[in-house]
Amino acid sequence: MKTILILLALLGLTKARPQFQRQQQFQQFRQIVQAPLTYILRYDANLGLPTGFSYAVQTSDGFNNAVIGEVKNQDTQEESLAVEGQYSYVGDDGKTYTVYYKADENGFQPSGEHIPPAANTSRKLGIPSAALASLAGGGLG
């Protein structure tokens, strides 16, 4: 009985030992601390307007973003928000990538030189009639 208890205690001690060496932990911490900081260089915003909004951001790491949003068909059943904008960033390969996009009642529509044509499809996806009936309270099937 004593032997089993001693073996279990030794097993518990070996499982409870630190899993990483202190040097590895220090190196990981050092990499995080030495990462370059990113600063906001420019921030312009017109938010909370009754008919829309706009903002633009530029950071020190090369990220840029500009967006304009507009309320369409205000105070009607068809009221919606249409957003147009662009953002750019510097990739790991050093190239600057820019994405232009539009989002409205037709969905999100991105475009850019690096985006494959299949991602830019403007094919409308319909909602199945059974799903529409379910939303209207008719149930599926």
C-alpha atoms as a PDB file:
ATOM      1  CA  MET A   1       0.000   0.000   0.000  1.00  0.00           C
ATOM      2  CA  LYS A   2       2.845   2.369   0.908  1.00  0.00           C
ATOM      3  CA  THR A   3       4.572   1.575  -2.360  1.00  0.00           C
ATOM      4  CA  ILE A   4       1.488   2.514  -4.378  1.00  0.00           C
ATOM      5  CA  LEU A   5       1.123   5.817  -2.511  1.00  0.00           C
ATOM      6  CA  ILE A   6       4.801   6.653  -3.033  1.00  0.00           C
ATOM      7  CA  LEU A   7       4.559   5.817  -6.745  1.00  0.00           C
ATOM      8  CA  LEU A   8       1.434   7.961  -7.126  1.00  0.00           C
ATOM      9  CA  ALA A   9       3.147  10.858  -5.328  1.00  0.00           C
ATOM     10  CA  LEU A  10       6.196  10.588  -7.613  1.00  0.00           C
ATOM     11  CA  LEU A  11       3.968  10.406 -10.680  1.00  0.00           C
ATOM     12  CA  GLY A  12       2.099  13.518  -9.525  1.00  0.00           C
ATOM     13  CA  LEU A  13       5.361  15.410  -9.007  1.00  0.00           C
ATOM     14  CA  THR A  14       6.635  14.537 -12.476  1.00  0.00           C
ATOM     15  CA  LYS A  15       3.375  15.613 -14.109  1.00  0.00           C
ATOM     16  CA  ALA A  16       3.296  18.893 -12.161  1.00  0.00           C
ATOM     17  CA  ARG A  17       6.777  20.014 -13.211  1.00  0.00           C
ATOM     18  CA  PRO A  18       7.040  23.070 -15.524  1.00  0.00           C
ATOM     19  CA  GLN A  19       6.441  22.149 -19.152  1.00  0.00           C
ATOM     20  CA  PHE A  20       8.688  24.832 -20.684  1.00  0.00           C
ATOM     21  CA  GLN A  21      12.210  25.849 -19.930  1.00  0.00           C
ATOM     22  CA  ARG A  22      12.599  29.351 -18.514  1.00  0.00           C
ATOM     23  CA  GLN A  23      14.818  30.338 -21.431  1.00  0.00           C
ATOM     24  CA  GLN A  24      12.066  29.458 -23.945  1.00  0.00           C
ATOM     25  CA  GLN A  25       9.491  31.447 -21.989  1.00  0.00           C
ATOM     26  CA  PHE A  26      11.836  34.441 -21.790  1.00  0.00           C
ATOM     27  CA  GLN A  27      12.520  34.335 -25.540  1.00  0.00           C
ATOM     28  CA  GLN A  28       8.797  34.252 -26.336  1.00  0.00           C
ATOM     29  CA  PHE A  29       8.145  37.185 -24.004  1.00  0.00           C
ATOM     30  CA  ARG A  30      11.061  39.097 -25.507  1.00  0.00           C
ATOM     31  CA  GLN A  31       9.680  38.659 -29.039  1.00  0.00           C
ATOM     32  CA  ILE A  32       6.299  40.030 -27.972  1.00  0.00           C
ATOM     33  CA  VAL A  33       7.818  43.020 -26.196  1.00  0.00           C
ATOM     34  CA  GLN A  34      10.121  43.856 -29.107  1.00  0.00           C
ATOM     35  CA  ALA A  35       7.324  43.813 -31.706  1.00  0.00           C
ATOM     36  CA  PRO A  36       7.052  47.199 -33.431  1.00  0.00           C
ATOM     37  CA  LEU A  37       4.274  49.451 -32.212  1.00  0.00           C
ATOM     38  CA  THR A  38       1.673  50.796 -34.607  1.00  0.00           C
ATOM     39  CA  TYR A  39       0.516  54.381 -34.271  1.00  0.00           C
ATOM     40  CA  ILE A  40      -2.577  56.071 -35.641  1.00  0.00           C
ATOM     41  CA  LEU A  41      -1.359  58.846 -37.912  1.00  0.00           C
ATOM     42  CA  ARG A  42      -4.756  60.123 -39.027  1.00  0.00           C
ATOM     43  CA  TYR A  43      -8.336  59.560 -37.920  1.00  0.00           C
ATOM     44  CA  ASP A  44     -11.217  61.543 -39.398  1.00  0.00           C
ATOM     45  CA  ALA A  45     -14.804  60.668 -38.570  1.00  0.00           C
ATOM     46  CA  ASN A  46     -18.313  61.977 -39.105  1.00  0.00           C
ATOM     47  CA  LEU A  47     -20.371  59.446 -37.181  1.00  0.00           C
ATOM     48  CA  GLY A  48     -23.956  59.490 -36.063  1.00  0.00           C
ATOM     49  CA  LEU A  49     -25.315  61.607 -38.874  1.00  0.00           C
ATOM     50  CA  PRO A  50     -28.990  60.899 -39.583  1.00  0.00           C
ATOM     51  CA  THR A  51     -28.354  60.163 -43.261  1.00  0.00           C
ATOM     52  CA  GLY A  52     -25.013  58.363 -43.023  1.00  0.00           C
ATOM     53  CA  PHE A  53     -21.433  58.423 -41.816  1.00  0.00           C
ATOM     54  CA  SER A  54     -17.847  58.545 -42.993  1.00  0.00           C
ATOM     55  CA  TYR A  55     -14.448  57.855 -41.523  1.00  0.00           C
ATOM     56  CA  ALA A  56     -10.829  57.443 -42.561  1.00  0.00           C
ATOM     57  CA  VAL A  57      -7.899  55.904 -40.688  1.00  0.00           C
ATOM     58  CA  GLN A  58      -4.200  55.760 -41.496  1.00  0.00           C
ATOM     59  CA  THR A  59      -1.656  53.934 -39.331  1.00  0.00           C
ATOM     60  CA  SER A  60       2.136  53.871 -39.190  1.00  0.00           C
ATOM     61  CA  ASP A  61       2.345  50.274 -40.453  1.00  0.00           C
ATOM     62  CA  GLY A  62       0.830  51.182 -43.847  1.00  0.00           C
ATOM     63  CA  PHE A  63      -2.810  50.334 -43.132  1.00  0.00           C
ATOM     64  CA  ASN A  64      -5.340  52.753 -44.653  1.00  0.00           C
ATOM     65  CA  ASN A  65      -9.131  52.610 -44.470  1.00  0.00           C
ATOM     66  CA  ALA A  66     -11.782  54.991 -45.802  1.00  0.00           C
ATOM     67  CA  VAL A  67     -15.531  54.351 -45.615  1.00  0.00           C
ATOM     68  CA  ILE A  68     -18.702  56.236 -46.537  1.00  0.00           C
ATOM     69  CA  GLY A  69     -22.102  54.961 -45.434  1.00  0.00           C
ATOM     70  CA  GLU A  70     -25.422  56.337 -46.612  1.00  0.00           C
ATOM     71  CA  VAL A  71     -28.972  55.565 -45.533  1.00  0.00           C
ATOM     72  CA  LYS A  72     -31.110  54.701 -48.563  1.00  0.00           C
ATOM     73  CA  ASN A  73     -34.913  55.072 -48.650  1.00  0.00           C
ATOM     74  CA  GLN A  74     -34.965  56.651 -45.214  1.00  0.00           C
ATOM     75  CA  ASP A  75     -38.193  56.326 -43.191  1.00  0.00           C
ATOM     76  CA  THR A  76     -39.669  53.720 -45.533  1.00  0.00           C
ATOM     77  CA  GLN A  77     -40.115  49.946 -45.407  1.00  0.00           C
ATOM     78  CA  GLU A  78     -37.156  49.610 -47.801  1.00  0.00           C
ATOM     79  CA  GLU A  79     -34.736  51.608 -45.612  1.00  0.00           C
ATOM     80  CA  SER A  80     -31.205  50.227 -45.861  1.00  0.00           C
ATOM     81  CA  LEU A  81     -27.587  51.206 -45.428  1.00  0.00           C
ATOM     82  CA  ALA A  82     -25.225  51.354 -48.407  1.00  0.00           C
ATOM     83  CA  VAL A  83     -21.504  51.392 -47.635  1.00  0.00           C
ATOM     84  CA  GLU A  84     -18.601  52.019 -49.987  1.00  0.00           C
ATOM     85  CA  GLY A  85     -14.992  51.991 -48.996  1.00  0.00           C
ATOM     86  CA  GLN A  86     -11.490  50.785 -49.465  1.00  0.00           C
ATOM     87  CA  TYR A  87      -8.693  49.529 -47.304  1.00  0.00           C
ATOM     88  CA  SER A  88      -5.065  48.789 -48.012  1.00  0.00           C
ATOM     89  CA  TYR A  89      -2.307  47.085 -46.096  1.00  0.00           C
ATOM     90  CA  VAL A  90       1.276  45.974 -46.580  1.00  0.00           C
ATOM     91  CA  GLY A  91       1.504  42.190 -46.889  1.00  0.00           C
ATOM     92  CA  ASP A  92       4.245  39.934 -45.554  1.00  0.00           C
ATOM     93  CA  ASP A  93       5.839  40.085 -49.004  1.00  0.00           C
ATOM     94  CA  GLY A  94       6.200  43.892 -48.787  1.00  0.00           C
ATOM     95  CA  LYS A  95       3.521  44.602 -51.412  1.00  0.00           C
ATOM     96  CA  THR A  96       0.632  46.954 -50.746  1.00  0.00           C
ATOM     97  CA  TYR A  97      -2.751  45.302 -51.251  1.00  0.00           C
ATOM     98  CA  THR A  98      -5.868  47.401 -51.790  1.00  0.00           C
ATOM     99  CA  VAL A  99      -9.456  46.192 -51.569  1.00  0.00           C
ATOM    100  CA  TYR A 100     -12.350  48.296 -52.820  1.00  0.00           C
ATOM    101  CA  TYR A 101     -15.789  47.249 -51.695  1.00  0.00           C
ATOM    102  CA  LYS A 102     -19.445  48.083 -51.797  1.00  0.00           C
ATOM    103  CA  ALA A 103     -22.068  46.662 -49.452  1.00  0.00           C
ATOM    104  CA  ASP A 104     -25.751  47.326 -50.027  1.00  0.00           C
ATOM    105  CA  GLU A 105     -29.002  45.456 -50.580  1.00  0.00           C
ATOM    106  CA  ASN A 106     -27.136  43.340 -53.161  1.00  0.00           C
ATOM    107  CA  GLY A 107     -24.585  42.109 -50.598  1.00  0.00           C
ATOM    108  CA  PHE A 108     -20.858  42.582 -50.091  1.00  0.00           C
ATOM    109  CA  GLN A 109     -18.966  43.159 -53.349  1.00  0.00           C
ATOM    110  CA  PRO A 110     -15.162  43.319 -52.995  1.00  0.00           C
ATOM    111  CA  SER A 111     -12.698  44.009 -55.791  1.00  0.00           C
ATOM    112  CA  GLY A 112      -8.935  44.217 -55.995  1.00  0.00           C
ATOM    113  CA  GLU A 113      -6.056  43.060 -58.172  1.00  0.00           C
ATOM    114  CA  HIS A 114      -5.186  40.231 -55.767  1.00  0.00           C
ATOM    115  CA  ILE A 115      -8.761  38.956 -55.319  1.00  0.00           C
ATOM    116  CA  PRO A 116      -9.637  36.008 -57.588  1.00  0.00           C
ATOM    117  CA  PRO A 117     -12.494  36.649 -60.051  1.00  0.00           C
ATOM    118  CA  ALA A 118     -14.602  33.906 -58.444  1.00  0.00           C
ATOM    119  CA  ALA A 119     -14.745  35.977 -55.252  1.00  0.00           C
ATOM    120  CA  ASN A 120     -16.217  38.896 -57.195  1.00  0.00           C
ATOM    121  CA  THR A 121     -19.256  37.042 -58.496  1.00  0.00           C
ATOM    122  CA  SER A 122     -22.360  39.132 -58.546  1.00  0.00           C
ATOM    123  CA  ARG A 123     -24.597  36.078 -58.795  1.00  0.00           C
ATOM    124  CA  LYS A 124     -27.649  36.581 -56.635  1.00  0.00           C
ATOM    125  CA  LEU A 125     -28.365  33.772 -54.245  1.00  0.00           C
ATOM    126  CA  GLY A 126     -32.068  33.339 -53.721  1.00  0.00           C
ATOM    127  CA  ILE A 127     -33.700  32.308 -50.475  1.00  0.00           C
ATOM    128  CA  PRO A 128     -35.534  28.994 -50.896  1.00  0.00           C
ATOM    129  CA  SER A 129     -39.311  29.361 -50.820  1.00  0.00           C
ATOM    130  CA  ALA A 130     -39.565  26.835 -47.959  1.00  0.00           C
ATOM    131  CA  ALA A 131     -37.296  29.034 -45.831  1.00  0.00           C
ATOM    132  CA  LEU A 132     -39.355  32.122 -46.683  1.00  0.00           C
ATOM    133  CA  ALA A 133     -42.532  30.272 -45.724  1.00  0.00           C
ATOM    134  CA  SER A 134     -40.922  29.264 -42.434  1.00  0.00           C
ATOM    135  CA  LEU A 135     -39.989  32.861 -41.680  1.00  0.00           C
ATOM    136  CA  ALA A 136     -43.560  33.878 -42.443  1.00  0.00           C
ATOM    137  CA  GLY A 137     -44.827  31.296 -39.944  1.00  0.00           C
ATOM    138  CA  GLY A 138     -45.743  28.570 -42.407  1.00  0.00           C
ATOM    139  CA  GLY A 139     -43.170  26.022 -41.239  1.00  0.00           C
ATOM    140  CA  LEU A 140     -40.669  24.071 -43.327  1.00  0.00           C
ATOM    141  CA  GLY A 141     -42.144  21.488 -45.621  1.00  0.00           C
END
